[in-house]
C-alpha atoms as a PDB file:
ATOM      1  CA  UNK A   1      -0.156   0.046  -0.119  1.00  0.00           C
ATOM      2  CA  UNK A   2       3.033   2.148   0.818  1.00  0.00           C
ATOM      3  CA  UNK A   3       5.725   3.430  -2.184  1.00  0.00           C
ATOM      4  CA  UNK A   4       9.370   3.672  -0.715  1.00  0.00           C
ATOM      5  CA  UNK A   5       8.920   7.459  -0.211  1.00  0.00           C
ATOM      6  CA  UNK A   6       5.653   6.810   1.783  1.00  0.00           C
ATOM      7  CA  UNK A   7       6.914   4.126   4.296  1.00  0.00           C
ATOM      8  CA  UNK A   8       8.952   5.629   6.451  1.00  0.00           C
ATOM      9  CA  UNK A   9       6.105   8.482   7.238  1.00  0.00           C
ATOM     10  CA  UNK A  10       3.679   6.360   7.624  1.00  0.00           C
ATOM     11  CA  UNK A  11       5.580   4.299  10.158  1.00  0.00           C
ATOM     12  CA  UNK A  12       6.592   7.497  11.992  1.00  0.00           C
ATOM     13  CA  UNK A  13       2.955   7.634  12.476  1.00  0.00           C
ATOM     14  CA  UNK A  14       2.394   4.517  13.340  1.00  0.00           C
ATOM     15  CA  UNK A  15       4.807   4.881  16.593  1.00  0.00           C
ATOM     16  CA  UNK A  16       3.382   7.899  17.381  1.00  0.00           C
ATOM     17  CA  UNK A  17      -0.423   5.983  18.071  1.00  0.00           C
ATOM     18  CA  UNK A  18      -1.264   3.485  20.066  1.00  0.00           C
ATOM     19  CA  UNK A  19      -2.524   0.978  17.447  1.00  0.00           C
ATOM     20  CA  UNK A  20      -2.464   0.298  14.119  1.00  0.00           C
ATOM     21  CA  UNK A  21      -4.939  -2.190  11.992  1.00  0.00           C
ATOM     22  CA  UNK A  22      -4.346  -2.886   7.999  1.00  0.00           C
ATOM     23  CA  UNK A  23      -6.786  -4.243   5.649  1.00  0.00           C
ATOM     24  CA  UNK A  24     -10.205  -2.255   6.752  1.00  0.00           C
ATOM     25  CA  UNK A  25     -11.165  -0.508   3.566  1.00  0.00           C
ATOM     26  CA  UNK A  26     -14.276   1.689   3.831  1.00  0.00           C
ATOM     27  CA  UNK A  27     -15.578   0.235   6.553  1.00  0.00           C
ATOM     28  CA  UNK A  28     -12.345   1.699   8.514  1.00  0.00           C
ATOM     29  CA  UNK A  29     -14.079   5.524   7.593  1.00  0.00           C
ATOM     30  CA  UNK A  30     -17.392   3.864   9.236  1.00  0.00           C
ATOM     31  CA  UNK A  31     -15.816   3.250  12.281  1.00  0.00           C
ATOM     32  CA  UNK A  32     -14.120   6.607  12.049  1.00  0.00           C
ATOM     33  CA  UNK A  33     -17.400   8.544  11.671  1.00  0.00           C
ATOM     34  CA  UNK A  34     -18.918   6.187  14.173  1.00  0.00           C
ATOM     35  CA  UNK A  35     -16.036   7.872  16.775  1.00  0.00           C
ATOM     36  CA  UNK A  36     -14.437   3.910  17.315  1.00  0.00           C
ATOM     37  CA  UNK A  37     -11.348   5.211  15.235  1.00  0.00           C
ATOM     38  CA  UNK A  38      -9.527   8.206  15.346  1.00  0.00           C
ATOM     39  CA  UNK A  39      -7.280   7.755  12.015  1.00  0.00           C
ATOM     40  CA  UNK A  40      -7.397   5.934   8.469  1.00  0.00           C
ATOM     41  CA  UNK A  41      -4.235   6.805   6.594  1.00  0.00           C
ATOM     42  CA  UNK A  42      -4.092   5.269   3.191  1.00  0.00           C
ATOM     43  CA  UNK A  43      -1.879   5.538  -0.561  1.00  0.00           C
ATOM     44  CA  UNK A  44      -2.734   4.668  -3.784  1.00  0.00           C
ATOM     45  CA  UNK A  45      -6.668   5.037  -3.383  1.00  0.00           C
ATOM     46  CA  UNK A  46      -9.309   6.452  -6.734  1.00  0.00           C
ATOM     47  CA  UNK A  47     -11.018   8.794  -6.138  1.00  0.00           C
ATOM     48  CA  UNK A  48     -14.414   6.581  -6.279  1.00  0.00           C
ATOM     49  CA  UNK A  49     -12.781   5.130  -3.525  1.00  0.00           C
ATOM     50  CA  UNK A  50     -13.132   7.491  -1.297  1.00  0.00           C
ATOM     51  CA  UNK A  51     -15.640  10.302  -2.877  1.00  0.00           C
ATOM     52  CA  UNK A  52     -19.069   8.969  -0.858  1.00  0.00           C
ATOM     53  CA  UNK A  53     -17.170   8.660   2.378  1.00  0.00           C
ATOM     54  CA  UNK A  54     -15.554  12.438   2.099  1.00  0.00           C
ATOM     55  CA  UNK A  55     -19.414  14.052   3.338  1.00  0.00           C
ATOM     56  CA  UNK A  56     -19.672  11.006   5.672  1.00  0.00           C
ATOM     57  CA  UNK A  57     -16.839  12.025   8.029  1.00  0.00           C
ATOM     58  CA  UNK A  58     -17.063  15.565   7.380  1.00  0.00           C
ATOM     59  CA  UNK A  59     -20.664  15.615   8.632  1.00  0.00           C
ATOM     60  CA  UNK A  60     -19.506  13.404  11.721  1.00  0.00           C
ATOM     61  CA  UNK A  61     -17.307  16.201  12.165  1.00  0.00           C
ATOM     62  CA  UNK A  62     -14.149  14.767  11.027  1.00  0.00           C
ATOM     63  CA  UNK A  63     -11.733  15.970   8.606  1.00  0.00           C
ATOM     64  CA  UNK A  64     -10.312  14.353   5.030  1.00  0.00           C
ATOM     65  CA  UNK A  65      -7.815  15.550   3.127  1.00  0.00           C
ATOM     66  CA  UNK A  66      -4.164  14.518   0.812  1.00  0.00           C
ATOM     67  CA  UNK A  67      -1.186  14.126   3.041  1.00  0.00           C
ATOM     68  CA  UNK A  68      -0.323  17.401   2.102  1.00  0.00           C
ATOM     69  CA  UNK A  69      -3.754  19.187   3.434  1.00  0.00           C
ATOM     70  CA  UNK A  70      -5.148  19.585   0.328  1.00  0.00           C
ATOM     71  CA  UNK A  71      -8.784  18.727  -0.585  1.00  0.00           C
ATOM     72  CA  UNK A  72      -8.921  15.279  -2.097  1.00  0.00           C
ATOM     73  CA  UNK A  73      -9.188  15.883  -5.652  1.00  0.00           C
ATOM     74  CA  UNK A  74      -8.522  12.581  -7.530  1.00  0.00           C
ATOM     75  CA  UNK A  75      -7.386  10.077  -4.636  1.00  0.00           C
ATOM     76  CA  UNK A  76      -3.980   9.036  -4.042  1.00  0.00           C
ATOM     77  CA  UNK A  77      -3.093   9.681  -0.211  1.00  0.00           C
ATOM     78  CA  UNK A  78      -5.348   9.877   2.268  1.00  0.00           C
ATOM     79  CA  UNK A  79      -5.283  11.001   5.885  1.00  0.00           C
ATOM     80  CA  UNK A  80      -8.779  11.464   7.981  1.00  0.00           C
ATOM     81  CA  UNK A  81      -8.852  12.312  11.581  1.00  0.00           C
ATOM     82  CA  UNK A  82     -11.768  12.319  13.979  1.00  0.00           C
ATOM     83  CA  UNK A  83     -11.327  15.821  14.597  1.00  0.00           C
ATOM     84  CA  UNK A  84      -9.117  19.312  12.975  1.00  0.00           C
ATOM     85  CA  UNK A  85      -6.648  18.707  15.901  1.00  0.00           C
ATOM     86  CA  UNK A  86      -5.579  15.405  15.267  1.00  0.00           C
ATOM     87  CA  UNK A  87      -5.658  15.595  11.749  1.00  0.00           C
ATOM     88  CA  UNK A  88      -3.428  18.111  11.978  1.00  0.00           C
ATOM     89  CA  UNK A  89      -0.993  16.402  14.734  1.00  0.00           C
ATOM     90  CA  UNK A  90      -1.257  13.297  12.334  1.00  0.00           C
ATOM     91  CA  UNK A  91      -0.457  15.351   8.998  1.00  0.00           C
ATOM     92  CA  UNK A  92       3.055  16.145  10.202  1.00  0.00           C
ATOM     93  CA  UNK A  93       4.026  13.033  10.210  1.00  0.00           C
ATOM     94  CA  UNK A  94       2.793  12.426   6.764  1.00  0.00           C
ATOM     95  CA  UNK A  95       3.602  15.490   4.927  1.00  0.00           C
ATOM     96  CA  UNK A  96       7.306  15.150   3.676  1.00  0.00           C
ATOM     97  CA  UNK A  97       6.384  11.944   2.316  1.00  0.00           C
ATOM     98  CA  UNK A  98       7.369  12.997  -1.376  1.00  0.00           C
ATOM     99  CA  UNK A  99      10.309  11.725  -3.442  1.00  0.00           C
ATOM    100  CA  UNK A 100      13.179  14.148  -3.257  1.00  0.00           C
END
């Protein structure tokens, strides 16, 4: 799921959180919107993978952006957080994942 430039950033974030899980797909985003998880971080998504989930998460008070903090326009790298404060903290681990 994560490329060579993405993995070190994700791994750093993973060390900073209490628990990391893989493979929940869209279920993880629904768990986030329901208040059961705090973050969902993925890479390699198509826009169709995330588009319908954005209004659900935002409607529940969450934030969904790419790893640079920009709106999701084409899929790719996605970070979804339960609230803006948590999003900002997690984004600091991910935003430098670009090569070179």
